[in-house]
Amino acid sequence: MTTFLVKVLLTALVVAGASELGKRSSTAGAILASLPLTSILVLSWLYLDTKDATKVSALSTGIFWAVLPSLLFFLVLPFLLKRGWGYWPALGASCAAMFAGYTIYTALLNRLGVTH
């Protein structure tokens, strides 16, 4: 339980730090947020918990394949906000677009025989 709480605390501090940095500088916040911090944390926690490089490698490959459709979110959100959508509706629509992108992308990868 202690290990879990340490993971939660460190992960929360990284996310909160990125949010605070974004208040001061959108460029610096964007750079920090664009780093694969979540992935690095998850891969590190997985390795520390299992000491299994094969699992880390498999997860890293899965993350790679999942990144492309997630970029759709970052295109749709500013597009809608610039057109006067409220934040929450734009966020919801962006999440829905990303989900649709994942669905189509996964079907396409399966069709091409790419396993992830």
PDB file of N, CA and C in Angstrom:
ATOM      1  N   MET A   1       0.822  -1.198   0.000  1.00  0.00           N
ATOM      2  CA  MET A   1       0.000   0.000   0.000  1.00  0.00           C
ATOM      3  C   MET A   1       0.865   1.261   0.000  1.00  0.00           C
ATOM      4  N   THR A   2       1.988   1.208   0.710  1.00  0.00           N
ATOM      5  CA  THR A   2       2.875   2.369   0.753  1.00  0.00           C
ATOM      6  C   THR A   2       3.427   2.680  -0.632  1.00  0.00           C
ATOM      7  N   THR A   3       3.818   1.652  -1.382  1.00  0.00           N
ATOM      8  CA  THR A   3       4.334   1.848  -2.730  1.00  0.00           C
ATOM      9  C   THR A   3       3.279   2.510  -3.610  1.00  0.00           C
ATOM     10  N   PHE A   4       2.056   2.060  -3.497  1.00  0.00           N
ATOM     11  CA  PHE A   4       0.970   2.640  -4.282  1.00  0.00           C
ATOM     12  C   PHE A   4       0.802   4.121  -3.946  1.00  0.00           C
ATOM     13  N   LEU A   5       0.832   4.465  -2.688  1.00  0.00           N
ATOM     14  CA  LEU A   5       0.678   5.863  -2.281  1.00  0.00           C
ATOM     15  C   LEU A   5       1.833   6.726  -2.783  1.00  0.00           C
ATOM     16  N   VAL A   6       3.043   6.193  -2.787  1.00  0.00           N
ATOM     17  CA  VAL A   6       4.195   6.921  -3.322  1.00  0.00           C
ATOM     18  C   VAL A   6       3.990   7.166  -4.816  1.00  0.00           C
ATOM     19  N   LYS A   7       3.516   6.160  -5.547  1.00  0.00           N
ATOM     20  CA  LYS A   7       3.231   6.307  -6.977  1.00  0.00           C
ATOM     21  C   LYS A   7       2.198   7.414  -7.200  1.00  0.00           C
ATOM     22  N   VAL A   8       1.140   7.360  -6.432  1.00  0.00           N
ATOM     23  CA  VAL A   8       0.068   8.356  -6.578  1.00  0.00           C
ATOM     24  C   VAL A   8       0.606   9.754  -6.292  1.00  0.00           C
ATOM     25  N   LEU A   9       1.351   9.905  -5.231  1.00  0.00           N
ATOM     26  CA  LEU A   9       1.879  11.210  -4.854  1.00  0.00           C
ATOM     27  C   LEU A   9       2.836  11.756  -5.901  1.00  0.00           C
ATOM     28  N   LEU A  10       3.792  10.958  -6.335  1.00  0.00           N
ATOM     29  CA  LEU A  10       4.748  11.427  -7.342  1.00  0.00           C
ATOM     30  C   LEU A  10       4.066  11.755  -8.665  1.00  0.00           C
ATOM     31  N   THR A  11       3.148  10.905  -9.063  1.00  0.00           N
ATOM     32  CA  THR A  11       2.431  11.147 -10.317  1.00  0.00           C
ATOM     33  C   THR A  11       1.590  12.419 -10.212  1.00  0.00           C
ATOM     34  N   ALA A  12       0.907  12.595  -9.098  1.00  0.00           N
ATOM     35  CA  ALA A  12       0.103  13.805  -8.891  1.00  0.00           C
ATOM     36  C   ALA A  12       0.973  15.062  -8.889  1.00  0.00           C
ATOM     37  N   LEU A  13       2.140  14.979  -8.295  1.00  0.00           N
ATOM     38  CA  LEU A  13       3.044  16.130  -8.273  1.00  0.00           C
ATOM     39  C   LEU A  13       3.506  16.507  -9.680  1.00  0.00           C
ATOM     40  N   VAL A  14       3.777  15.533 -10.507  1.00  0.00           N
ATOM     41  CA  VAL A  14       4.197  15.814 -11.886  1.00  0.00           C
ATOM     42  C   VAL A  14       3.063  16.488 -12.650  1.00  0.00           C
ATOM     43  N   VAL A  15       1.860  15.963 -12.534  1.00  0.00           N
ATOM     44  CA  VAL A  15       0.709  16.544 -13.240  1.00  0.00           C
ATOM     45  C   VAL A  15       0.404  17.949 -12.717  1.00  0.00           C
ATOM     46  N   ALA A  16       0.399  18.108 -11.419  1.00  0.00           N
ATOM     47  CA  ALA A  16       0.138  19.426 -10.836  1.00  0.00           C
ATOM     48  C   ALA A  16       1.233  20.414 -11.225  1.00  0.00           C
ATOM     49  N   GLY A  17       2.474  19.948 -11.258  1.00  0.00           N
ATOM     50  CA  GLY A  17       3.578  20.822 -11.659  1.00  0.00           C
ATOM     51  C   GLY A  17       3.423  21.298 -13.092  1.00  0.00           C
ATOM     52  N   ALA A  18       3.015  20.409 -13.980  1.00  0.00           N
ATOM     53  CA  ALA A  18       2.795  20.793 -15.377  1.00  0.00           C
ATOM     54  C   ALA A  18       1.669  21.812 -15.483  1.00  0.00           C
ATOM     55  N   SER A  19       0.621  21.620 -14.696  1.00  0.00           N
ATOM     56  CA  SER A  19      -0.501  22.550 -14.700  1.00  0.00           C
ATOM     57  C   SER A  19      -0.073  23.931 -14.194  1.00  0.00           C
ATOM     58  N   GLU A  20       0.685  23.956 -13.121  1.00  0.00           N
ATOM     59  CA  GLU A  20       1.164  25.228 -12.569  1.00  0.00           C
ATOM     60  C   GLU A  20       2.101  25.933 -13.540  1.00  0.00           C
ATOM     61  N   LEU A  21       2.987  25.182 -14.189  1.00  0.00           N
ATOM     62  CA  LEU A  21       3.890  25.768 -15.160  1.00  0.00           C
ATOM     63  C   LEU A  21       3.110  26.357 -16.328  1.00  0.00           C
ATOM     64  N   GLY A  22       2.040  25.678 -16.743  1.00  0.00           N
ATOM     65  CA  GLY A  22       1.197  26.171 -17.828  1.00  0.00           C
ATOM     66  C   GLY A  22       0.541  27.500 -17.513  1.00  0.00           C
ATOM     67  N   LYS A  23       0.269  27.771 -16.247  1.00  0.00           N
ATOM     68  CA  LYS A  23      -0.301  29.070 -15.843  1.00  0.00           C
ATOM     69  C   LYS A  23       0.694  30.203 -16.087  1.00  0.00           C
ATOM     70  N   ARG A  24       1.964  29.911 -15.901  1.00  0.00           N
ATOM     71  CA  ARG A  24       3.000  30.934 -15.998  1.00  0.00           C
ATOM     72  C   ARG A  24       3.507  31.117 -17.428  1.00  0.00           C
ATOM     73  N   SER A  25       3.573  30.027 -18.158  1.00  0.00           N
ATOM     74  CA  SER A  25       4.078  30.083 -19.528  1.00  0.00           C
ATOM     75  C   SER A  25       3.413  28.980 -20.338  1.00  0.00           C
ATOM     76  N   SER A  26       2.608  29.378 -21.302  1.00  0.00           N
ATOM     77  CA  SER A  26       1.928  28.358 -22.106  1.00  0.00           C
ATOM     78  C   SER A  26       2.941  27.544 -22.906  1.00  0.00           C
ATOM     79  N   THR A  27       4.025  28.170 -23.342  1.00  0.00           N
ATOM     80  CA  THR A  27       5.045  27.436 -24.099  1.00  0.00           C
ATOM     81  C   THR A  27       5.732  26.405 -23.215  1.00  0.00           C
ATOM     82  N   ALA A  28       6.195  26.833 -22.048  1.00  0.00           N
ATOM     83  CA  ALA A  28       6.875  25.900 -21.137  1.00  0.00           C
ATOM     84  C   ALA A  28       5.914  24.808 -20.677  1.00  0.00           C
ATOM     85  N   GLY A  29       4.672  25.183 -20.387  1.00  0.00           N
ATOM     86  CA  GLY A  29       3.668  24.198 -19.989  1.00  0.00           C
ATOM     87  C   GLY A  29       3.401  23.199 -21.095  1.00  0.00           C
ATOM     88  N   ALA A  30       3.336  23.695 -22.328  1.00  0.00           N
ATOM     89  CA  ALA A  30       3.089  22.808 -23.475  1.00  0.00           C
ATOM     90  C   ALA A  30       4.252  21.840 -23.681  1.00  0.00           C
ATOM     91  N   ILE A  31       5.466  22.349 -23.534  1.00  0.00           N
ATOM     92  CA  ILE A  31       6.630  21.473 -23.695  1.00  0.00           C
ATOM     93  C   ILE A  31       6.621  20.388 -22.627  1.00  0.00           C
ATOM     94  N   LEU A  32       6.381  20.784 -21.377  1.00  0.00           N
ATOM     95  CA  LEU A  32       6.355  19.793 -20.308  1.00  0.00           C
ATOM     96  C   LEU A  32       5.211  18.799 -20.506  1.00  0.00           C
ATOM     97  N   ALA A  33       4.047  19.300 -20.884  1.00  0.00           N
ATOM     98  CA  ALA A  33       2.893  18.417 -21.081  1.00  0.00           C
ATOM     99  C   ALA A  33       3.084  17.498 -22.290  1.00  0.00           C
ATOM    100  N   SER A  34       3.848  17.958 -23.281  1.00  0.00           N
ATOM    101  CA  SER A  34       4.041  17.128 -24.473  1.00  0.00           C
ATOM    102  C   SER A  34       5.030  15.997 -24.234  1.00  0.00           C
ATOM    103  N   LEU A  35       5.829  16.116 -23.199  1.00  0.00           N
ATOM    104  CA  LEU A  35       6.733  15.013 -22.871  1.00  0.00           C
ATOM    105  C   LEU A  35       5.899  13.812 -22.464  1.00  0.00           C
ATOM    106  N   PRO A  36       6.362  12.651 -22.758  1.00  0.00           N
ATOM    107  CA  PRO A  36       5.583  11.458 -22.387  1.00  0.00           C
ATOM    108  C   PRO A  36       5.729  11.139 -20.891  1.00  0.00           C
ATOM    109  N   LEU A  37       5.403  12.143 -20.049  1.00  0.00           N
ATOM    110  CA  LEU A  37       5.588  11.965 -18.606  1.00  0.00           C
ATOM    111  C   LEU A  37       4.780  10.804 -18.051  1.00  0.00           C
ATOM    112  N   THR A  38       3.538  10.717 -18.458  1.00  0.00           N
ATOM    113  CA  THR A  38       2.707   9.616 -17.980  1.00  0.00           C
ATOM    114  C   THR A  38       3.300   8.283 -18.408  1.00  0.00           C
ATOM    115  N   SER A  39       3.716   8.211 -19.653  1.00  0.00           N
ATOM    116  CA  SER A  39       4.304   6.965 -20.151  1.00  0.00           C
ATOM    117  C   SER A  39       5.583   6.621 -19.400  1.00  0.00           C
ATOM    118  N   ILE A  40       6.425   7.616 -19.180  1.00  0.00           N
ATOM    119  CA  ILE A  40       7.671   7.374 -18.441  1.00  0.00           C
ATOM    120  C   ILE A  40       7.366   6.877 -17.036  1.00  0.00           C
ATOM    121  N   LEU A  41       6.402   7.509 -16.384  1.00  0.00           N
ATOM    122  CA  LEU A  41       6.032   7.066 -15.035  1.00  0.00           C
ATOM    123  C   LEU A  41       5.474   5.648 -15.051  1.00  0.00           C
ATOM    124  N   VAL A  42       4.568   5.381 -15.975  1.00  0.00           N
ATOM    125  CA  VAL A  42       3.956   4.053 -16.045  1.00  0.00           C
ATOM    126  C   VAL A  42       5.013   2.982 -16.346  1.00  0.00           C
ATOM    127  N   LEU A  43       5.879   3.258 -17.313  1.00  0.00           N
ATOM    128  CA  LEU A  43       6.923   2.294 -17.650  1.00  0.00           C
ATOM    129  C   LEU A  43       7.862   2.071 -16.463  1.00  0.00           C
ATOM    130  N   SER A  44       8.185   3.147 -15.764  1.00  0.00           N
ATOM    131  CA  SER A  44       9.062   3.029 -14.597  1.00  0.00           C
ATOM    132  C   SER A  44       8.397   2.256 -13.474  1.00  0.00           C
ATOM    133  N   TRP A  45       7.118   2.569 -13.192  1.00  0.00           N
ATOM    134  CA  TRP A  45       6.409   1.839 -12.138  1.00  0.00           C
ATOM    135  C   TRP A  45       6.318   0.359 -12.500  1.00  0.00           C
ATOM    136  N   LEU A  46       6.016   0.067 -13.774  1.00  0.00           N
ATOM    137  CA  LEU A  46       5.920  -1.324 -14.205  1.00  0.00           C
ATOM    138  C   LEU A  46       7.253  -2.047 -14.010  1.00  0.00           C
ATOM    139  N   TYR A  47       8.343  -1.388 -14.413  1.00  0.00           N
ATOM    140  CA  TYR A  47       9.644  -2.039 -14.267  1.00  0.00           C
ATOM    141  C   TYR A  47      10.006  -2.233 -12.791  1.00  0.00           C
ATOM    142  N   LEU A  48       9.776  -1.210 -11.977  1.00  0.00           N
ATOM    143  CA  LEU A  48      10.085  -1.330 -10.554  1.00  0.00           C
ATOM    144  C   LEU A  48       9.265  -2.435  -9.889  1.00  0.00           C
ATOM    145  N   ASP A  49       8.019  -2.583 -10.337  1.00  0.00           N
ATOM    146  CA  ASP A  49       7.143  -3.605  -9.754  1.00  0.00           C
ATOM    147  C   ASP A  49       7.477  -5.019 -10.229  1.00  0.00           C
ATOM    148  N   THR A  50       7.888  -5.153 -11.497  1.00  0.00           N
ATOM    149  CA  THR A  50       8.050  -6.492 -12.079  1.00  0.00           C
ATOM    150  C   THR A  50       9.482  -6.870 -12.419  1.00  0.00           C
ATOM    151  N   LYS A  51      10.339  -5.861 -12.619  1.00  0.00           N
ATOM    152  CA  LYS A  51      11.714  -6.084 -13.106  1.00  0.00           C
ATOM    153  C   LYS A  51      11.710  -6.858 -14.428  1.00  0.00           C
ATOM    154  N   ASP A  52      10.640  -6.710 -15.183  1.00  0.00           N
ATOM    155  CA  ASP A  52      10.454  -7.454 -16.428  1.00  0.00           C
ATOM    156  C   ASP A  52      10.563  -6.507 -17.623  1.00  0.00           C
ATOM    157  N   ALA A  53      11.727  -6.500 -18.260  1.00  0.00           N
ATOM    158  CA  ALA A  53      11.957  -5.629 -19.408  1.00  0.00           C
ATOM    159  C   ALA A  53      11.063  -5.990 -20.588  1.00  0.00           C
ATOM    160  N   THR A  54      10.669  -7.252 -20.702  1.00  0.00           N
ATOM    161  CA  THR A  54       9.789  -7.681 -21.793  1.00  0.00           C
ATOM    162  C   THR A  54       8.424  -7.010 -21.662  1.00  0.00           C
ATOM    163  N   LYS A  55       7.897  -6.952 -20.446  1.00  0.00           N
ATOM    164  CA  LYS A  55       6.613  -6.278 -20.228  1.00  0.00           C
ATOM    165  C   LYS A  55       6.734  -4.789 -20.523  1.00  0.00           C
ATOM    166  N   VAL A  56       7.850  -4.198 -20.105  1.00  0.00           N
ATOM    167  CA  VAL A  56       8.073  -2.771 -20.373  1.00  0.00           C
ATOM    168  C   VAL A  56       8.142  -2.530 -21.877  1.00  0.00           C
ATOM    169  N   SER A  57       8.853  -3.391 -22.580  1.00  0.00           N
ATOM    170  CA  SER A  57       8.967  -3.268 -24.031  1.00  0.00           C
ATOM    171  C   SER A  57       7.602  -3.388 -24.708  1.00  0.00           C
ATOM    172  N   ALA A  58       6.819  -4.367 -24.293  1.00  0.00           N
ATOM    173  CA  ALA A  58       5.488  -4.564 -24.882  1.00  0.00           C
ATOM    174  C   ALA A  58       4.588  -3.363 -24.615  1.00  0.00           C
ATOM    175  N   LEU A  59       4.643  -2.849 -23.406  1.00  0.00           N
ATOM    176  CA  LEU A  59       3.819  -1.681 -23.077  1.00  0.00           C
ATOM    177  C   LEU A  59       4.278  -0.468 -23.869  1.00  0.00           C
ATOM    178  N   SER A  60       5.583  -0.294 -23.989  1.00  0.00           N
ATOM    179  CA  SER A  60       6.117   0.831 -24.754  1.00  0.00           C
ATOM    180  C   SER A  60       5.667   0.771 -26.215  1.00  0.00           C
ATOM    181  N   THR A  61       5.682  -0.416 -26.788  1.00  0.00           N
ATOM    182  CA  THR A  61       5.215  -0.588 -28.167  1.00  0.00           C
ATOM    183  C   THR A  61       3.724  -0.265 -28.276  1.00  0.00           C
ATOM    184  N   GLY A  62       2.959  -0.723 -27.300  1.00  0.00           N
ATOM    185  CA  GLY A  62       1.527  -0.412 -27.289  1.00  0.00           C
ATOM    186  C   GLY A  62       1.272   1.085 -27.194  1.00  0.00           C
ATOM    187  N   ILE A  63       2.058   1.768 -26.382  1.00  0.00           N
ATOM    188  CA  ILE A  63       1.925   3.224 -26.250  1.00  0.00           C
ATOM    189  C   ILE A  63       2.234   3.894 -27.580  1.00  0.00           C
ATOM    190  N   PHE A  64       3.296   3.421 -28.244  1.00  0.00           N
ATOM    191  CA  PHE A  64       3.643   3.993 -29.548  1.00  0.00           C
ATOM    192  C   PHE A  64       2.448   3.959 -30.494  1.00  0.00           C
ATOM    193  N   TRP A  65       1.817   2.784 -30.595  1.00  0.00           N
ATOM    194  CA  TRP A  65       0.696   2.650 -31.518  1.00  0.00           C
ATOM    195  C   TRP A  65      -0.519   3.456 -31.076  1.00  0.00           C
ATOM    196  N   ALA A  66      -0.615   3.776 -29.803  1.00  0.00           N
ATOM    197  CA  ALA A  66      -1.769   4.527 -29.306  1.00  0.00           C
ATOM    198  C   ALA A  66      -1.601   6.040 -29.428  1.00  0.00           C
ATOM    199  N   VAL A  67      -0.396   6.505 -29.664  1.00  0.00           N
ATOM    200  CA  VAL A  67      -0.150   7.950 -29.696  1.00  0.00           C
ATOM    201  C   VAL A  67      -0.833   8.629 -30.886  1.00  0.00           C
ATOM    202  N   LEU A  68      -0.737   8.029 -32.065  1.00  0.00           N
ATOM    203  CA  LEU A  68      -1.254   8.699 -33.262  1.00  0.00           C
ATOM    204  C   LEU A  68      -2.726   9.110 -33.166  1.00  0.00           C
ATOM    205  N   PRO A  69      -3.633   8.202 -32.812  1.00  0.00           N
ATOM    206  CA  PRO A  69      -5.023   8.653 -32.737  1.00  0.00           C
ATOM    207  C   PRO A  69      -5.268   9.631 -31.583  1.00  0.00           C
ATOM    208  N   SER A  70      -4.425   9.624 -30.565  1.00  0.00           N
ATOM    209  CA  SER A  70      -4.623  10.576 -29.463  1.00  0.00           C
ATOM    210  C   SER A  70      -4.339  12.005 -29.911  1.00  0.00           C
ATOM    211  N   LEU A  71      -3.547  12.164 -30.959  1.00  0.00           N
ATOM    212  CA  LEU A  71      -3.249  13.508 -31.463  1.00  0.00           C
ATOM    213  C   LEU A  71      -4.500  14.199 -32.011  1.00  0.00           C
ATOM    214  N   LEU A  72      -5.471  13.418 -32.419  1.00  0.00           N
ATOM    215  CA  LEU A  72      -6.734  13.975 -32.903  1.00  0.00           C
ATOM    216  C   LEU A  72      -7.370  14.888 -31.846  1.00  0.00           C
ATOM    217  N   PHE A  73      -7.268  14.493 -30.592  1.00  0.00           N
ATOM    218  CA  PHE A  73      -7.807  15.298 -29.493  1.00  0.00           C
ATOM    219  C   PHE A  73      -7.229  16.712 -29.517  1.00  0.00           C
ATOM    220  N   PHE A  74      -5.912  16.807 -29.730  1.00  0.00           N
ATOM    221  CA  PHE A  74      -5.232  18.104 -29.687  1.00  0.00           C
ATOM    222  C   PHE A  74      -5.470  18.952 -30.929  1.00  0.00           C
ATOM    223  N   LEU A  75      -6.040  18.362 -31.949  1.00  0.00           N
ATOM    224  CA  LEU A  75      -6.455  19.133 -33.119  1.00  0.00           C
ATOM    225  C   LEU A  75      -7.888  19.624 -32.967  1.00  0.00           C
ATOM    226  N   VAL A  76      -8.758  18.759 -32.474  1.00  0.00           N
ATOM    227  CA  VAL A  76     -10.179  19.083 -32.379  1.00  0.00           C
ATOM    228  C   VAL A  76     -10.447  20.101 -31.271  1.00  0.00           C
ATOM    229  N   LEU A  77      -9.822  19.950 -30.106  1.00  0.00           N
ATOM    230  CA  LEU A  77     -10.105  20.858 -28.982  1.00  0.00           C
ATOM    231  C   LEU A  77      -9.854  22.322 -29.328  1.00  0.00           C
ATOM    232  N   PRO A  78      -8.672  22.701 -29.793  1.00  0.00           N
ATOM    233  CA  PRO A  78      -8.490  24.127 -30.109  1.00  0.00           C
ATOM    234  C   PRO A  78      -9.365  24.596 -31.271  1.00  0.00           C
ATOM    235  N   PHE A  79      -9.619  23.700 -32.221  1.00  0.00           N
ATOM    236  CA  PHE A  79     -10.494  24.042 -33.346  1.00  0.00           C
ATOM    237  C   PHE A  79     -11.867  24.465 -32.833  1.00  0.00           C
ATOM    238  N   LEU A  80     -12.444  23.669 -31.923  1.00  0.00           N
ATOM    239  CA  LEU A  80     -13.775  23.974 -31.398  1.00  0.00           C
ATOM    240  C   LEU A  80     -13.758  25.200 -30.486  1.00  0.00           C
ATOM    241  N   LEU A  81     -12.744  25.320 -29.657  1.00  0.00           N
ATOM    242  CA  LEU A  81     -12.663  26.474 -28.757  1.00  0.00           C
ATOM    243  C   LEU A  81     -12.547  27.781 -29.538  1.00  0.00           C
ATOM    244  N   LYS A  82     -11.798  27.764 -30.626  1.00  0.00           N
ATOM    245  CA  LYS A  82     -11.639  28.967 -31.457  1.00  0.00           C
ATOM    246  C   LYS A  82     -12.932  29.331 -32.182  1.00  0.00           C
ATOM    247  N   ARG A  83     -13.836  28.381 -32.286  1.00  0.00           N
ATOM    248  CA  ARG A  83     -15.122  28.624 -32.926  1.00  0.00           C
ATOM    249  C   ARG A  83     -16.221  28.924 -31.925  1.00  0.00           C
ATOM    250  N   GLY A  84     -15.837  29.209 -30.679  1.00  0.00           N
ATOM    251  CA  GLY A  84     -16.784  29.668 -29.683  1.00  0.00           C
ATOM    252  C   GLY A  84     -17.442  28.599 -28.836  1.00  0.00           C
ATOM    253  N   TRP A  85     -17.036  27.363 -28.991  1.00  0.00           N
ATOM    254  CA  TRP A  85     -17.600  26.318 -28.130  1.00  0.00           C
ATOM    255  C   TRP A  85     -17.167  26.573 -26.701  1.00  0.00           C
ATOM    256  N   GLY A  86     -17.999  26.229 -25.750  1.00  0.00           N
ATOM    257  CA  GLY A  86     -17.610  26.258 -24.351  1.00  0.00           C
ATOM    258  C   GLY A  86     -16.581  25.162 -24.090  1.00  0.00           C
ATOM    259  N   TYR A  87     -15.812  25.336 -23.013  1.00  0.00           N
ATOM    260  CA  TYR A  87     -14.750  24.388 -22.723  1.00  0.00           C
ATOM    261  C   TYR A  87     -15.264  22.963 -22.567  1.00  0.00           C
ATOM    262  N   TRP A  88     -16.285  22.757 -21.726  1.00  0.00           N
ATOM    263  CA  TRP A  88     -16.755  21.393 -21.431  1.00  0.00           C
ATOM    264  C   TRP A  88     -17.345  20.700 -22.650  1.00  0.00           C
ATOM    265  N   PRO A  89     -18.206  21.378 -23.431  1.00  0.00           N
ATOM    266  CA  PRO A  89     -18.695  20.714 -24.650  1.00  0.00           C
ATOM    267  C   PRO A  89     -17.558  20.406 -25.638  1.00  0.00           C
ATOM    268  N   ALA A  90     -16.600  21.334 -25.761  1.00  0.00           N
ATOM    269  CA  ALA A  90     -15.472  21.108 -26.667  1.00  0.00           C
ATOM    270  C   ALA A  90     -14.615  19.941 -26.171  1.00  0.00           C
ATOM    271  N   LEU A  91     -14.421  19.855 -24.868  1.00  0.00           N
ATOM    272  CA  LEU A  91     -13.657  18.753 -24.298  1.00  0.00           C
ATOM    273  C   LEU A  91     -14.357  17.420 -24.573  1.00  0.00           C
ATOM    274  N   GLY A  92     -15.656  17.387 -24.348  1.00  0.00           N
ATOM    275  CA  GLY A  92     -16.422  16.165 -24.611  1.00  0.00           C
ATOM    276  C   GLY A  92     -16.378  15.758 -26.072  1.00  0.00           C
ATOM    277  N   ALA A  93     -16.563  16.724 -26.953  1.00  0.00           N
ATOM    278  CA  ALA A  93     -16.526  16.432 -28.388  1.00  0.00           C
ATOM    279  C   ALA A  93     -15.130  15.982 -28.823  1.00  0.00           C
ATOM    280  N   SER A  94     -14.107  16.568 -28.231  1.00  0.00           N
ATOM    281  CA  SER A  94     -12.729  16.184 -28.552  1.00  0.00           C
ATOM    282  C   SER A  94     -12.446  14.759 -28.086  1.00  0.00           C
ATOM    283  N   CYS A  95     -12.939  14.417 -26.910  1.00  0.00           N
ATOM    284  CA  CYS A  95     -12.791  13.045 -26.409  1.00  0.00           C
ATOM    285  C   CYS A  95     -13.538  12.066 -27.312  1.00  0.00           C
ATOM    286  N   ALA A  96     -14.732  12.458 -27.744  1.00  0.00           N
ATOM    287  CA  ALA A  96     -15.511  11.593 -28.640  1.00  0.00           C
ATOM    288  C   ALA A  96     -14.788  11.414 -29.974  1.00  0.00           C
ATOM    289  N   ALA A  97     -14.215  12.494 -30.496  1.00  0.00           N
ATOM    290  CA  ALA A  97     -13.462  12.402 -31.757  1.00  0.00           C
ATOM    291  C   ALA A  97     -12.248  11.489 -31.580  1.00  0.00           C
ATOM    292  N   MET A  98     -11.576  11.615 -30.433  1.00  0.00           N
ATOM    293  CA  MET A  98     -10.425  10.765 -30.168  1.00  0.00           C
ATOM    294  C   MET A  98     -10.850   9.304 -30.062  1.00  0.00           C
ATOM    295  N   PHE A  99     -11.947   9.047 -29.396  1.00  0.00           N
ATOM    296  CA  PHE A  99     -12.452   7.681 -29.277  1.00  0.00           C
ATOM    297  C   PHE A  99     -12.775   7.114 -30.658  1.00  0.00           C
ATOM    298  N   ALA A 100     -13.416   7.921 -31.489  1.00  0.00           N
ATOM    299  CA  ALA A 100     -13.718   7.484 -32.859  1.00  0.00           C
ATOM    300  C   ALA A 100     -12.421   7.210 -33.621  1.00  0.00           C
ATOM    301  N   GLY A 101     -11.435   8.079 -33.425  1.00  0.00           N
ATOM    302  CA  GLY A 101     -10.138   7.880 -34.060  1.00  0.00           C
ATOM    303  C   GLY A 101      -9.485   6.580 -33.621  1.00  0.00           C
ATOM    304  N   TYR A 102      -9.548   6.285 -32.305  1.00  0.00           N
ATOM    305  CA  TYR A 102      -9.003   5.020 -31.803  1.00  0.00           C
ATOM    306  C   TYR A 102      -9.729   3.825 -32.412  1.00  0.00           C
ATOM    307  N   THR A 103     -11.033   3.926 -32.512  1.00  0.00           N
ATOM    308  CA  THR A 103     -11.824   2.822 -33.056  1.00  0.00           C
ATOM    309  C   THR A 103     -11.436   2.548 -34.513  1.00  0.00           C
ATOM    310  N   ILE A 104     -11.361   3.592 -35.307  1.00  0.00           N
ATOM    311  CA  ILE A 104     -11.002   3.449 -36.722  1.00  0.00           C
ATOM    312  C   ILE A 104      -9.554   2.975 -36.857  1.00  0.00           C
ATOM    313  N   TYR A 105      -8.666   3.568 -36.080  1.00  0.00           N
ATOM    314  CA  TYR A 105      -7.247   3.234 -36.125  1.00  0.00           C
ATOM    315  C   TYR A 105      -7.003   1.776 -35.748  1.00  0.00           C
ATOM    316  N   THR A 106      -7.663   1.319 -34.696  1.00  0.00           N
ATOM    317  CA  THR A 106      -7.518  -0.067 -34.256  1.00  0.00           C
ATOM    318  C   THR A 106      -8.013  -1.027 -35.335  1.00  0.00           C
ATOM    319  N   ALA A 107      -9.163  -0.705 -35.933  1.00  0.00           N
ATOM    320  CA  ALA A 107      -9.684  -1.552 -37.015  1.00  0.00           C
ATOM    321  C   ALA A 107      -8.702  -1.585 -38.191  1.00  0.00           C
ATOM    322  N   LEU A 108      -8.123  -0.432 -38.513  1.00  0.00           N
ATOM    323  CA  LEU A 108      -7.168  -0.363 -39.607  1.00  0.00           C
ATOM    324  C   LEU A 108      -5.908  -1.173 -39.301  1.00  0.00           C
ATOM    325  N   LEU A 109      -5.377  -1.033 -38.082  1.00  0.00           N
ATOM    326  CA  LEU A 109      -4.184  -1.807 -37.711  1.00  0.00           C
ATOM    327  C   LEU A 109      -4.472  -3.306 -37.757  1.00  0.00           C
ATOM    328  N   ASN A 110      -5.640  -3.695 -37.255  1.00  0.00           N
ATOM    329  CA  ASN A 110      -6.010  -5.116 -37.293  1.00  0.00           C
ATOM    330  C   ASN A 110      -6.086  -5.633 -38.718  1.00  0.00           C
ATOM    331  N   ARG A 111      -6.652  -4.808 -39.590  1.00  0.00           N
ATOM    332  CA  ARG A 111      -6.758  -5.192 -41.008  1.00  0.00           C
ATOM    333  C   ARG A 111      -5.412  -5.358 -41.662  1.00  0.00           C
ATOM    334  N   LEU A 112      -4.451  -4.511 -41.225  1.00  0.00           N
ATOM    335  CA  LEU A 112      -3.110  -4.565 -41.792  1.00  0.00           C
ATOM    336  C   LEU A 112      -2.240  -5.626 -41.116  1.00  0.00           C
ATOM    337  N   GLY A 113      -2.807  -6.262 -40.087  1.00  0.00           N
ATOM    338  CA  GLY A 113      -2.065  -7.313 -39.404  1.00  0.00           C
ATOM    339  C   GLY A 113      -1.076  -6.830 -38.367  1.00  0.00           C
ATOM    340  N   VAL A 114      -1.200  -5.571 -37.978  1.00  0.00           N
ATOM    341  CA  VAL A 114      -0.300  -5.022 -36.959  1.00  0.00           C
ATOM    342  C   VAL A 114      -0.827  -5.422 -35.598  1.00  0.00           C
ATOM    343  N   THR A 115      -0.008  -6.121 -34.834  1.00  0.00           N
ATOM    344  CA  THR A 115      -0.411  -6.509 -33.476  1.00  0.00           C
ATOM    345  C   THR A 115       0.222  -5.549 -32.497  1.00  0.00           C
ATOM    346  N   HIS A 116      -0.546  -5.206 -31.489  1.00  0.00           N
ATOM    347  CA  HIS A 116      -0.047  -4.248 -30.483  1.00  0.00           C
ATOM    348  C   HIS A 116      -0.385  -4.721 -29.115  1.00  0.00           C
TER     349      HIS A 116
END
